[in-house]
Amino acid sequence: RGIRRGFELREVGGGWRFYVRAEYDTLVADFV
């Protein structure tokens, strides 16, 4: 089995796309 990644594959607007997991949003935003 793998590990839980910091990103996820999410279905949005009828398609699939990578997104940062919600719990890391603030961290990533501050870093950027």
All heavy atoms as atom14 arrays in JSON, in Angstrom:
{
  "sequence": "RGIRRGFELREVGGGWRFYVRAEYDTLVADFV",
  "atom14_mask": [
    [1, 1, 1, 1, 1, 1, 1, 1, 1, 1, 1, 0, 0, 0],
    [1, 1, 1, 1, 0, 0, 0, 0, 0, 0, 0, 0, 0, 0],
    [1, 1, 1, 1, 1, 1, 1, 1, 0, 0, 0, 0, 0, 0],
    [1, 1, 1, 1, 1, 1, 1, 1, 1, 1, 1, 0, 0, 0],
    [1, 1, 1, 1, 1, 1, 1, 1, 1, 1, 1, 0, 0, 0],
    [1, 1, 1, 1, 0, 0, 0, 0, 0, 0, 0, 0, 0, 0],
    [1, 1, 1, 1, 1, 1, 1, 1, 1, 1, 1, 0, 0, 0],
    [1, 1, 1, 1, 1, 1, 1, 1, 1, 0, 0, 0, 0, 0],
    [1, 1, 1, 1, 1, 1, 1, 1, 0, 0, 0, 0, 0, 0],
    [1, 1, 1, 1, 1, 1, 1, 1, 1, 1, 1, 0, 0, 0],
    [1, 1, 1, 1, 1, 1, 1, 1, 1, 0, 0, 0, 0, 0],
    [1, 1, 1, 1, 1, 1, 1, 0, 0, 0, 0, 0, 0, 0],
    [1, 1, 1, 1, 0, 0, 0, 0, 0, 0, 0, 0, 0, 0],
    [1, 1, 1, 1, 0, 0, 0, 0, 0, 0, 0, 0, 0, 0],
    [1, 1, 1, 1, 0, 0, 0, 0, 0, 0, 0, 0, 0, 0],
    [1, 1, 1, 1, 1, 1, 1, 1, 1, 1, 1, 1, 1, 1],
    [1, 1, 1, 1, 1, 1, 1, 1, 1, 1, 1, 0, 0, 0],
    [1, 1, 1, 1, 1, 1, 1, 1, 1, 1, 1, 0, 0, 0],
    [1, 1, 1, 1, 1, 1, 1, 1, 1, 1, 1, 1, 0, 0],
    [1, 1, 1, 1, 1, 1, 1, 0, 0, 0, 0, 0, 0, 0],
    [1, 1, 1, 1, 1, 1, 1, 1, 1, 1, 1, 0, 0, 0],
    [1, 1, 1, 1, 1, 0, 0, 0, 0, 0, 0, 0, 0, 0],
    [1, 1, 1, 1, 1, 1, 1, 1, 1, 0, 0, 0, 0, 0],
    [1, 1, 1, 1, 1, 1, 1, 1, 1, 1, 1, 1, 0, 0],
    [1, 1, 1, 1, 1, 1, 1, 1, 0, 0, 0, 0, 0, 0],
    [1, 1, 1, 1, 1, 1, 1, 0, 0, 0, 0, 0, 0, 0],
    [1, 1, 1, 1, 1, 1, 1, 1, 0, 0, 0, 0, 0, 0],
    [1, 1, 1, 1, 1, 1, 1, 0, 0, 0, 0, 0, 0, 0],
    [1, 1, 1, 1, 1, 0, 0, 0, 0, 0, 0, 0, 0, 0],
    [1, 1, 1, 1, 1, 1, 1, 1, 0, 0, 0, 0, 0, 0],
    [1, 1, 1, 1, 1, 1, 1, 1, 1, 1, 1, 0, 0, 0],
    [1, 1, 1, 1, 1, 1, 1, 0, 0, 0, 0, 0, 0, 0]
  ],
  "atom14_positions": [
    [[0.84, -1.19, 0.0], [0.0, 0.0, 0.0], [0.88, 1.24, 0.0], [2.0, 1.24, 0.49], [-0.92, 0.01, 1.23], [-2.02, -1.06, 1.17], [-3.03, -0.73, 0.08], [-4.11, -1.71, 0.03], [-4.12, -2.75, -0.78], [-3.1, -2.96, -1.59], [-5.14, -3.58, -0.8], [0.0, 0.0, 0.0], [0.0, 0.0, 0.0], [0.0, 0.0, 0.0]],
    [[0.34, 2.33, -0.52], [1.09, 3.57, -0.58], [0.87, 4.42, 0.65], [0.34, 3.97, 1.66], [0.0, 0.0, 0.0], [0.0, 0.0, 0.0], [0.0, 0.0, 0.0], [0.0, 0.0, 0.0], [0.0, 0.0, 0.0], [0.0, 0.0, 0.0], [0.0, 0.0, 0.0], [0.0, 0.0, 0.0], [0.0, 0.0, 0.0], [0.0, 0.0, 0.0]],
    [[1.28, 5.67, 0.54], [1.08, 6.62, 1.62], [0.11, 7.69, 1.15], [-0.05, 7.92, -0.06], [2.41, 7.28, 2.05], [3.04, 8.01, 0.86], [3.36, 6.24, 2.61], [4.27, 8.79, 1.22], [0.0, 0.0, 0.0], [0.0, 0.0, 0.0], [0.0, 0.0, 0.0], [0.0, 0.0, 0.0], [0.0, 0.0, 0.0], [0.0, 0.0, 0.0]],
    [[-0.52, 8.34, 2.1], [-1.46, 9.4, 1.74], [-0.66, 10.62, 1.3], [0.12, 11.17, 2.06], [-2.35, 9.74, 2.94], [-3.51, 10.68, 2.62], [-4.46, 10.73, 3.82], [-5.65, 11.48, 3.54], [-5.8, 12.77, 3.74], [-4.78, 13.47, 4.24], [-6.92, 13.39, 3.45], [0.0, 0.0, 0.0], [0.0, 0.0, 0.0], [0.0, 0.0, 0.0]],
    [[-0.88, 11.04, 0.07], [-0.1, 12.14, -0.49], [-0.65, 13.5, -0.05], [-1.78, 13.61, 0.42], [-0.13, 12.07, -2.03], [0.2, 10.7, -2.6], [1.62, 10.29, -2.3], [1.93, 8.98, -2.84], [2.29, 8.74, -4.09], [2.43, 9.74, -4.94], [2.53, 7.51, -4.5], [0.0, 0.0, 0.0], [0.0, 0.0, 0.0], [0.0, 0.0, 0.0]],
    [[0.17, 14.53, -0.24], [-0.26, 15.89, 0.09], [-1.14, 16.5, -0.99], [-1.6, 17.63, -0.85], [0.0, 0.0, 0.0], [0.0, 0.0, 0.0], [0.0, 0.0, 0.0], [0.0, 0.0, 0.0], [0.0, 0.0, 0.0], [0.0, 0.0, 0.0], [0.0, 0.0, 0.0], [0.0, 0.0, 0.0], [0.0, 0.0, 0.0], [0.0, 0.0, 0.0]],
    [[-1.39, 15.76, -2.05], [-2.27, 16.2, -3.12], [-3.3, 15.11, -3.38], [-3.16, 13.97, -2.93], [-1.48, 16.5, -4.4], [-0.71, 15.31, -4.92], [-1.28, 14.41, -5.79], [0.6, 15.1, -4.51], [-0.58, 13.31, -6.26], [1.32, 14.01, -4.97], [0.73, 13.11, -5.85], [0.0, 0.0, 0.0], [0.0, 0.0, 0.0], [0.0, 0.0, 0.0]],
    [[-4.34, 15.46, -4.1], [-5.39, 14.5, -4.42], [-5.87, 14.73, -5.85], [-5.66, 15.79, -6.44], [-6.56, 14.65, -3.45], [-7.25, 16.01, -3.52], [-8.39, 16.13, -2.52], [-8.97, 15.09, -2.18], [-8.69, 17.27, -2.1], [0.0, 0.0, 0.0], [0.0, 0.0, 0.0], [0.0, 0.0, 0.0], [0.0, 0.0, 0.0], [0.0, 0.0, 0.0]],
    [[-6.51, 13.72, -6.39], [-7.1, 13.81, -7.72], [-8.58, 14.05, -7.52], [-9.3, 13.22, -6.96], [-6.87, 12.51, -8.5], [-7.24, 12.5, -9.99], [-6.55, 13.63, -10.73], [-6.87, 11.16, -10.61], [0.0, 0.0, 0.0], [0.0, 0.0, 0.0], [0.0, 0.0, 0.0], [0.0, 0.0, 0.0], [0.0, 0.0, 0.0], [0.0, 0.0, 0.0]],
    [[-9.03, 15.24, -7.93], [-10.39, 15.66, -7.62], [-11.18, 15.9, -8.91], [-10.64, 16.43, -9.89], [-10.35, 16.93, -6.79], [-11.68, 17.36, -6.18], [-11.55, 18.71, -5.49], [-10.45, 18.76, -4.53], [-10.01, 19.89, -3.99], [-10.55, 21.05, -4.34], [-9.02, 19.85, -3.12], [0.0, 0.0, 0.0], [0.0, 0.0, 0.0], [0.0, 0.0, 0.0]],
    [[-12.46, 15.52, -8.9], [-13.33, 15.77, -10.05], [-13.99, 17.12, -9.88], [-14.72, 17.35, -8.91], [-14.39, 14.67, -10.18], [-15.22, 14.79, -11.45], [-16.18, 13.64, -11.64], [-16.47, 12.94, -10.65], [-16.66, 13.43, -12.77], [0.0, 0.0, 0.0], [0.0, 0.0, 0.0], [0.0, 0.0, 0.0], [0.0, 0.0, 0.0], [0.0, 0.0, 0.0]],
    [[-13.73, 18.02, -10.81], [-14.26, 19.38, -10.76], [-14.73, 19.79, -12.14], [-14.0, 19.63, -13.13], [-13.18, 20.38, -10.27], [-13.72, 21.8, -10.29], [-12.7, 20.02, -8.88], [0.0, 0.0, 0.0], [0.0, 0.0, 0.0], [0.0, 0.0, 0.0], [0.0, 0.0, 0.0], [0.0, 0.0, 0.0], [0.0, 0.0, 0.0], [0.0, 0.0, 0.0]],
    [[-15.95, 20.32, -12.23], [-16.45, 20.8, -13.51], [-16.48, 19.74, -14.59], [-16.24, 20.04, -15.76], [0.0, 0.0, 0.0], [0.0, 0.0, 0.0], [0.0, 0.0, 0.0], [0.0, 0.0, 0.0], [0.0, 0.0, 0.0], [0.0, 0.0, 0.0], [0.0, 0.0, 0.0], [0.0, 0.0, 0.0], [0.0, 0.0, 0.0], [0.0, 0.0, 0.0]],
    [[-16.78, 18.5, -14.21], [-16.88, 17.44, -15.2], [-15.55, 16.87, -15.65], [-15.49, 16.1, -16.61], [0.0, 0.0, 0.0], [0.0, 0.0, 0.0], [0.0, 0.0, 0.0], [0.0, 0.0, 0.0], [0.0, 0.0, 0.0], [0.0, 0.0, 0.0], [0.0, 0.0, 0.0], [0.0, 0.0, 0.0], [0.0, 0.0, 0.0], [0.0, 0.0, 0.0]],
    [[-14.46, 17.23, -14.95], [-13.15, 16.71, -15.32], [-12.3, 16.44, -14.1], [-12.71, 16.73, -12.96], [0.0, 0.0, 0.0], [0.0, 0.0, 0.0], [0.0, 0.0, 0.0], [0.0, 0.0, 0.0], [0.0, 0.0, 0.0], [0.0, 0.0, 0.0], [0.0, 0.0, 0.0], [0.0, 0.0, 0.0], [0.0, 0.0, 0.0], [0.0, 0.0, 0.0]],
    [[-11.11, 15.88, -14.32], [-10.21, 15.51, -13.23], [-8.98, 16.39, -13.24], [-8.44, 16.71, -14.29], [-9.81, 14.05, -13.36], [-10.98, 13.13, -13.17], [-11.79, 12.63, -14.14], [-11.47, 12.62, -11.93], [-12.77, 11.85, -13.6], [-12.6, 11.81, -12.23], [-11.07, 12.76, -10.6], [-13.32, 11.15, -11.25], [-11.8, 12.1, -9.62], [-12.91, 11.3, -9.95]],
    [[-8.53, 16.74, -12.01], [-7.38, 17.62, -11.89], [-6.73, 17.43, -10.52], [-7.4, 17.09, -9.55], [-7.82, 19.08, -12.05], [-6.68, 20.09, -12.1], [-7.22, 21.49, -12.13], [-6.18, 22.49, -12.21], [-6.36, 23.78, -11.94], [-7.55, 24.21, -11.58], [-5.36, 24.63, -12.04], [0.0, 0.0, 0.0], [0.0, 0.0, 0.0], [0.0, 0.0, 0.0]],
    [[-5.4, 17.66, -10.45], [-4.69, 17.57, -9.18], [-4.95, 18.82, -8.34], [-4.93, 19.94, -8.86], [-3.18, 17.43, -9.39], [-2.77, 16.06, -9.85], [-2.04, 15.9, -11.02], [-3.09, 14.94, -9.11], [-1.66, 14.64, -11.45], [-2.71, 13.68, -9.52], [-1.99, 13.53, -10.69], [0.0, 0.0, 0.0], [0.0, 0.0, 0.0], [0.0, 0.0, 0.0]],
    [[-5.15, 18.62, -7.03], [-5.31, 19.72, -6.09], [-4.53, 19.41, -4.82], [-4.38, 18.25, -4.44], [-6.78, 19.93, -5.71], [-7.61, 20.61, -6.78], [-8.22, 19.88, -7.78], [-7.77, 21.99, -6.78], [-8.98, 20.5, -8.77], [-8.53, 22.62, -7.75], [-9.13, 21.87, -8.74], [-9.88, 22.48, -9.71], [0.0, 0.0, 0.0], [0.0, 0.0, 0.0]],
    [[-4.06, 20.46, -4.16], [-3.45, 20.29, -2.84], [-4.56, 19.9, -1.87], [-5.68, 20.42, -1.93], [-2.8, 21.62, -2.38], [-2.33, 21.5, -0.93], [-1.64, 21.97, -3.29], [0.0, 0.0, 0.0], [0.0, 0.0, 0.0], [0.0, 0.0, 0.0], [0.0, 0.0, 0.0], [0.0, 0.0, 0.0], [0.0, 0.0, 0.0], [0.0, 0.0, 0.0]],
    [[-4.28, 18.98, -0.97], [-5.29, 18.6, 0.03], [-5.62, 19.79, 0.92], [-4.77, 20.63, 1.2], [-4.79, 17.43, 0.87], [-4.71, 16.12, 0.1], [-4.54, 14.93, 1.01], [-4.34, 13.73, 0.22], [-5.33, 13.0, -0.3], [-6.59, 13.36, -0.06], [-5.08, 11.92, -1.01], [0.0, 0.0, 0.0], [0.0, 0.0, 0.0], [0.0, 0.0, 0.0]],
    [[-6.87, 19.83, 1.36], [-7.39, 20.99, 2.09], [-6.54, 21.34, 3.31], [-6.32, 22.52, 3.6], [-8.84, 20.73, 2.5], [0.0, 0.0, 0.0], [0.0, 0.0, 0.0], [0.0, 0.0, 0.0], [0.0, 0.0, 0.0], [0.0, 0.0, 0.0], [0.0, 0.0, 0.0], [0.0, 0.0, 0.0], [0.0, 0.0, 0.0], [0.0, 0.0, 0.0]],
    [[-6.04, 20.32, 4.01], [-5.29, 20.6, 5.24], [-3.95, 21.28, 4.97], [-3.31, 21.78, 5.89], [-5.08, 19.32, 6.05], [-4.36, 18.22, 5.32], [-5.32, 17.21, 4.71], [-6.36, 17.64, 4.18], [-5.02, 16.0, 4.77], [0.0, 0.0, 0.0], [0.0, 0.0, 0.0], [0.0, 0.0, 0.0], [0.0, 0.0, 0.0], [0.0, 0.0, 0.0]],
    [[-3.49, 21.27, 3.72], [-2.21, 21.89, 3.39], [-2.37, 23.22, 2.63], [-1.37, 23.82, 2.25], [-1.36, 20.94, 2.56], [-1.02, 19.66, 3.29], [-1.63, 18.46, 2.95], [-0.1, 19.66, 4.33], [-1.34, 17.29, 3.62], [0.21, 18.48, 5.01], [-0.42, 17.3, 4.65], [-0.13, 16.14, 5.32], [0.0, 0.0, 0.0], [0.0, 0.0, 0.0]],
    [[-3.61, 23.64, 2.43], [-3.86, 24.87, 1.67], [-3.15, 26.08, 2.28], [-2.48, 26.84, 1.58], [-5.37, 25.15, 1.6], [-6.03, 24.4, 0.45], [-5.3, 23.91, -0.43], [-7.27, 24.32, 0.43], [0.0, 0.0, 0.0], [0.0, 0.0, 0.0], [0.0, 0.0, 0.0], [0.0, 0.0, 0.0], [0.0, 0.0, 0.0], [0.0, 0.0, 0.0]],
    [[-3.31, 26.28, 3.58], [-2.72, 27.45, 4.23], [-1.2, 27.41, 4.15], [-0.55, 28.43, 3.85], [-3.16, 27.51, 5.7], [-4.59, 27.59, 5.76], [-2.56, 28.73, 6.38], [0.0, 0.0, 0.0], [0.0, 0.0, 0.0], [0.0, 0.0, 0.0], [0.0, 0.0, 0.0], [0.0, 0.0, 0.0], [0.0, 0.0, 0.0], [0.0, 0.0, 0.0]],
    [[-0.63, 26.26, 4.39], [0.82, 26.1, 4.34], [1.37, 26.44, 2.95], [2.33, 27.2, 2.8], [1.2, 24.67, 4.7], [2.69, 24.3, 4.57], [3.51, 25.05, 5.6], [2.87, 22.8, 4.72], [0.0, 0.0, 0.0], [0.0, 0.0, 0.0], [0.0, 0.0, 0.0], [0.0, 0.0, 0.0], [0.0, 0.0, 0.0], [0.0, 0.0, 0.0]],
    [[0.72, 25.88, 1.92], [1.18, 26.11, 0.56], [0.99, 27.56, 0.16], [1.86, 28.17, -0.48], [0.44, 25.17, -0.42], [0.76, 25.53, -1.87], [0.81, 23.72, -0.15], [0.0, 0.0, 0.0], [0.0, 0.0, 0.0], [0.0, 0.0, 0.0], [0.0, 0.0, 0.0], [0.0, 0.0, 0.0], [0.0, 0.0, 0.0], [0.0, 0.0, 0.0]],
    [[-0.15, 28.16, 0.54], [-0.41, 29.55, 0.21], [0.64, 30.47, 0.83], [1.15, 31.39, 0.18], [-1.81, 29.95, 0.68], [0.0, 0.0, 0.0], [0.0, 0.0, 0.0], [0.0, 0.0, 0.0], [0.0, 0.0, 0.0], [0.0, 0.0, 0.0], [0.0, 0.0, 0.0], [0.0, 0.0, 0.0], [0.0, 0.0, 0.0], [0.0, 0.0, 0.0]],
    [[0.98, 30.22, 2.1], [1.99, 31.04, 2.77], [3.35, 30.88, 2.09], [4.1, 31.85, 1.93], [2.1, 30.64, 4.24], [0.88, 31.04, 5.05], [0.1, 31.88, 4.55], [0.71, 30.52, 6.16], [0.0, 0.0, 0.0], [0.0, 0.0, 0.0], [0.0, 0.0, 0.0], [0.0, 0.0, 0.0], [0.0, 0.0, 0.0], [0.0, 0.0, 0.0]],
    [[3.68, 29.65, 1.71], [4.96, 29.41, 1.04], [5.04, 30.15, -0.28], [6.04, 30.8, -0.59], [5.15, 27.91, 0.8], [6.34, 27.58, -0.05], [7.62, 27.6, 0.48], [6.18, 27.29, -1.4], [8.73, 27.31, -0.31], [7.28, 27.0, -2.19], [8.55, 27.02, -1.65], [0.0, 0.0, 0.0], [0.0, 0.0, 0.0], [0.0, 0.0, 0.0]],
    [[3.97, 30.07, -1.07], [3.96, 30.72, -2.37], [4.1, 32.22, -2.23], [4.84, 32.87, -2.97], [2.66, 30.37, -3.14], [2.54, 31.22, -4.41], [2.65, 28.89, -3.51], [0.0, 0.0, 0.0], [0.0, 0.0, 0.0], [0.0, 0.0, 0.0], [0.0, 0.0, 0.0], [0.0, 0.0, 0.0], [0.0, 0.0, 0.0], [0.0, 0.0, 0.0]]
  ]
}
